[in-house]
Protein backbone atom coordinates (compact mmCIF):
# COMPACT_ATOMS: atom_id res chain seq x y z
CA MET A 1 131.10 15.27 10.88
CA ALA A 2 131.63 11.58 10.37
CA ILE A 3 129.16 8.85 11.60
CA ALA A 4 130.17 6.60 14.27
CA GLY A 5 128.31 3.20 15.02
CA TYR A 6 127.67 2.15 18.72
CA SER A 7 125.69 -0.50 20.34
CA GLN A 8 123.54 1.37 22.93
CA LYS A 9 120.29 3.11 21.58
CA GLY A 10 118.44 5.89 23.46
CA THR A 11 116.45 5.55 26.59
CA GLY A 12 113.66 3.49 24.99
CA GLU A 13 111.22 6.16 26.03
CA ASP A 14 108.87 6.80 23.20
CA LYS A 15 107.58 10.18 24.28
CA GLY A 16 109.67 13.18 23.28
CA VAL A 17 108.77 16.58 23.91
CA SER A 18 106.73 17.25 20.95
CA ARG A 19 104.32 14.13 22.17
CA GLU A 20 104.09 15.35 25.73
CA GLN A 21 102.96 18.78 24.25
CA ILE A 22 104.96 20.98 26.97
CA ASN A 23 105.95 24.41 26.14
CA PRO A 24 109.56 25.00 27.37
CA GLU A 25 110.82 28.54 26.82
CA LEU A 26 113.14 28.86 23.88
CA LEU A 27 116.52 30.49 24.38
CA ARG A 28 118.78 32.27 22.36
CA MET A 29 122.58 31.79 22.95
CA GLU A 30 125.58 32.61 20.90
CA GLY A 31 129.00 30.61 21.27
CA THR A 32 131.85 29.11 19.50
CA VAL A 33 131.87 25.23 19.03
CA GLU A 34 134.52 23.76 21.20
CA LYS A 35 133.81 20.10 20.40
CA ILE A 36 131.66 17.67 18.15
CA GLU A 37 130.72 14.67 19.86
CA LEU A 38 129.12 11.60 18.09
CA ALA A 39 128.26 9.02 20.55
CA PRO A 40 125.20 7.11 21.98
CA CYS A 41 123.03 9.53 24.32
CA GLU A 42 121.39 8.48 27.43
CA ASP A 43 118.73 11.47 27.12
CA THR A 44 117.51 10.73 23.68
CA THR A 45 114.03 9.28 23.37
CA GLY A 46 114.88 8.11 19.88
CA LYS A 47 116.34 4.63 18.93
CA SER A 48 119.47 6.48 16.88
CA VAL A 49 122.58 4.70 17.44
CA SER A 50 124.63 7.59 17.31
CA GLU A 51 123.72 11.30 18.71
CA THR A 52 125.23 14.52 17.53
CA HIS A 53 126.10 16.85 20.58
CA LEU A 54 128.20 20.47 20.42
CA MET A 55 130.17 21.44 23.14
CA VAL A 56 129.64 25.39 22.85
CA ARG A 57 131.46 28.02 24.93
CA THR A 58 128.90 31.03 25.76
CA ASN A 59 130.76 33.69 27.49
CA GLU A 60 132.38 31.65 30.30
CA ASP A 61 129.96 28.43 30.47
CA LEU A 62 130.39 25.57 28.46
CA ILE A 63 126.97 23.94 27.28
CA ASN A 64 125.96 20.57 26.06
CA VAL A 65 123.88 21.15 22.79
CA HIS A 66 121.96 18.25 22.06
CA LEU A 67 121.26 17.99 18.06
CA GLY A 68 119.66 14.93 17.20
CA PRO A 69 120.65 11.69 15.58
CA THR A 70 123.83 11.80 13.56
CA ALA A 71 122.51 10.20 10.56
CA GLU A 72 119.93 13.05 10.22
CA VAL A 73 122.00 16.00 11.53
CA SER A 74 124.78 15.31 9.37
CA LYS A 75 122.42 15.75 6.18
CA LEU A 76 121.55 19.08 7.84
CA ILE A 77 124.54 20.79 9.39
CA SER A 78 128.00 21.47 8.59
CA THR A 79 130.12 22.62 11.18
CA LYS A 80 133.58 22.35 12.85
CA GLU A 81 135.52 23.24 15.78
CA GLY A 82 135.90 26.99 16.24
CA ASP A 83 132.76 27.85 14.27
CA GLN A 84 130.69 30.81 15.71
CA ILE A 85 127.22 29.51 16.47
CA THR A 86 123.63 30.93 17.31
CA MET A 87 120.98 28.84 18.67
CA ALA A 88 117.36 28.52 19.71
CA LEU A 89 117.20 26.19 22.41
CA PHE A 90 115.19 24.63 25.22
CA GLN A 91 115.57 22.47 28.60
CA THR A 92 113.59 19.69 29.77
CA GLU A 93 113.59 18.63 33.31
CA LYS A 94 115.19 15.43 32.35
CA LEU A 95 118.70 17.41 31.32
CA PHE A 96 121.19 18.36 33.54
CA LYS A 97 121.56 22.12 34.20
CA ASP A 98 124.05 22.68 31.26
CA ASP A 99 122.21 20.48 28.72
CA TYR A 100 120.31 21.84 25.81
CA ILE A 101 118.24 20.60 23.14
CA ALA A 102 118.45 22.68 19.69
CA LYS A 103 115.29 23.97 18.05
CA ALA A 104 117.46 25.70 15.28
CA VAL A 105 121.01 26.82 14.80
CA ILE A 106 122.64 29.52 12.73
CA VAL A 107 126.14 28.43 11.58
CA ASN A 108 128.18 29.50 8.56
CA GLY A 109 125.60 32.13 7.85
CA GLU A 110 123.10 29.33 7.32
CA ILE A 111 119.95 28.76 9.35
CA VAL A 112 119.00 25.32 9.95
CA MET A 113 115.69 24.07 11.56
CA LEU A 114 116.00 20.72 13.63
CA ARG A 115 112.67 21.22 15.12
CA ASP A 116 109.20 22.64 14.08
CA ASP A 117 107.00 24.88 16.10
CA ASP A 118 105.62 22.07 18.27
CA LEU A 119 109.39 20.86 18.74
CA LYS A 120 108.89 17.88 16.85
CA PRO A 121 112.00 16.91 14.93
CA VAL A 122 112.31 17.57 11.19
CA TRP A 123 113.28 14.12 10.39
CA ALA A 124 110.19 12.63 12.12
CA GLY A 125 107.38 11.70 10.05
CA ASN A 126 106.90 12.60 6.40
CA LYS A 127 107.86 16.53 6.60
CA PRO A 128 110.40 17.32 4.24
CA LYS A 129 114.11 18.27 5.57
CA GLU A 130 114.93 21.62 4.91
CA LYS A 131 117.41 24.86 5.75
CA VAL A 132 115.80 28.03 6.24
CA ARG A 133 116.72 31.35 4.06
CA LYS A 134 118.47 33.99 5.63
CA GLY A 135 115.35 36.16 5.43
CA GLU A 136 113.65 33.86 7.86
CA LYS A 137 116.40 34.72 10.63
CA LYS A 138 114.09 37.12 12.51
CA LYS A 139 111.18 34.68 12.50
CA LEU A 140 113.79 32.02 14.30
CA LEU A 141 115.26 34.50 16.54
CA GLY A 142 112.28 36.67 17.31
CA GLN A 143 110.22 37.33 20.39
CA ASN A 144 109.62 34.08 21.86
CA ILE A 145 113.48 33.73 22.37
CA SER A 146 115.09 35.16 25.34
CA LYS A 147 118.54 36.75 24.58
CA ASN A 148 121.51 34.82 26.29
CA LYS A 149 119.26 33.84 29.21
CA LYS A 150 120.48 30.99 31.60
CA PRO A 151 118.26 29.10 33.79
């Protein structure tokens, strides 16, 4: 993935999902990465110039998966079009029907946490950014995640 620069930044809102203390349902979905988009995002609450989105084909649906700021996501995830991906996702009322935010992904056999249990991005604050070991897959894809459920 390459980083692209644009002049537009986020929505300017300072309250993301973790600050609002909402607890959206986590969904487990699997699919194939069809396209990687690096561009400004109108739905972000951050100030990033470029956001990374994956267009993922799940069964017959094409969904838009918001990963986060390109500068941060590119340090954590290495993926390309055609890769199989498993995702722990959630939605908010501000997103379109087929838009989701990734809490964690499994791609190329590697689990990558993007948000903590409070849905705070791992790049926010002083928490170390980390990739999760394969042995923690059960915790990531545990009981709180509905298998292939669509709203």
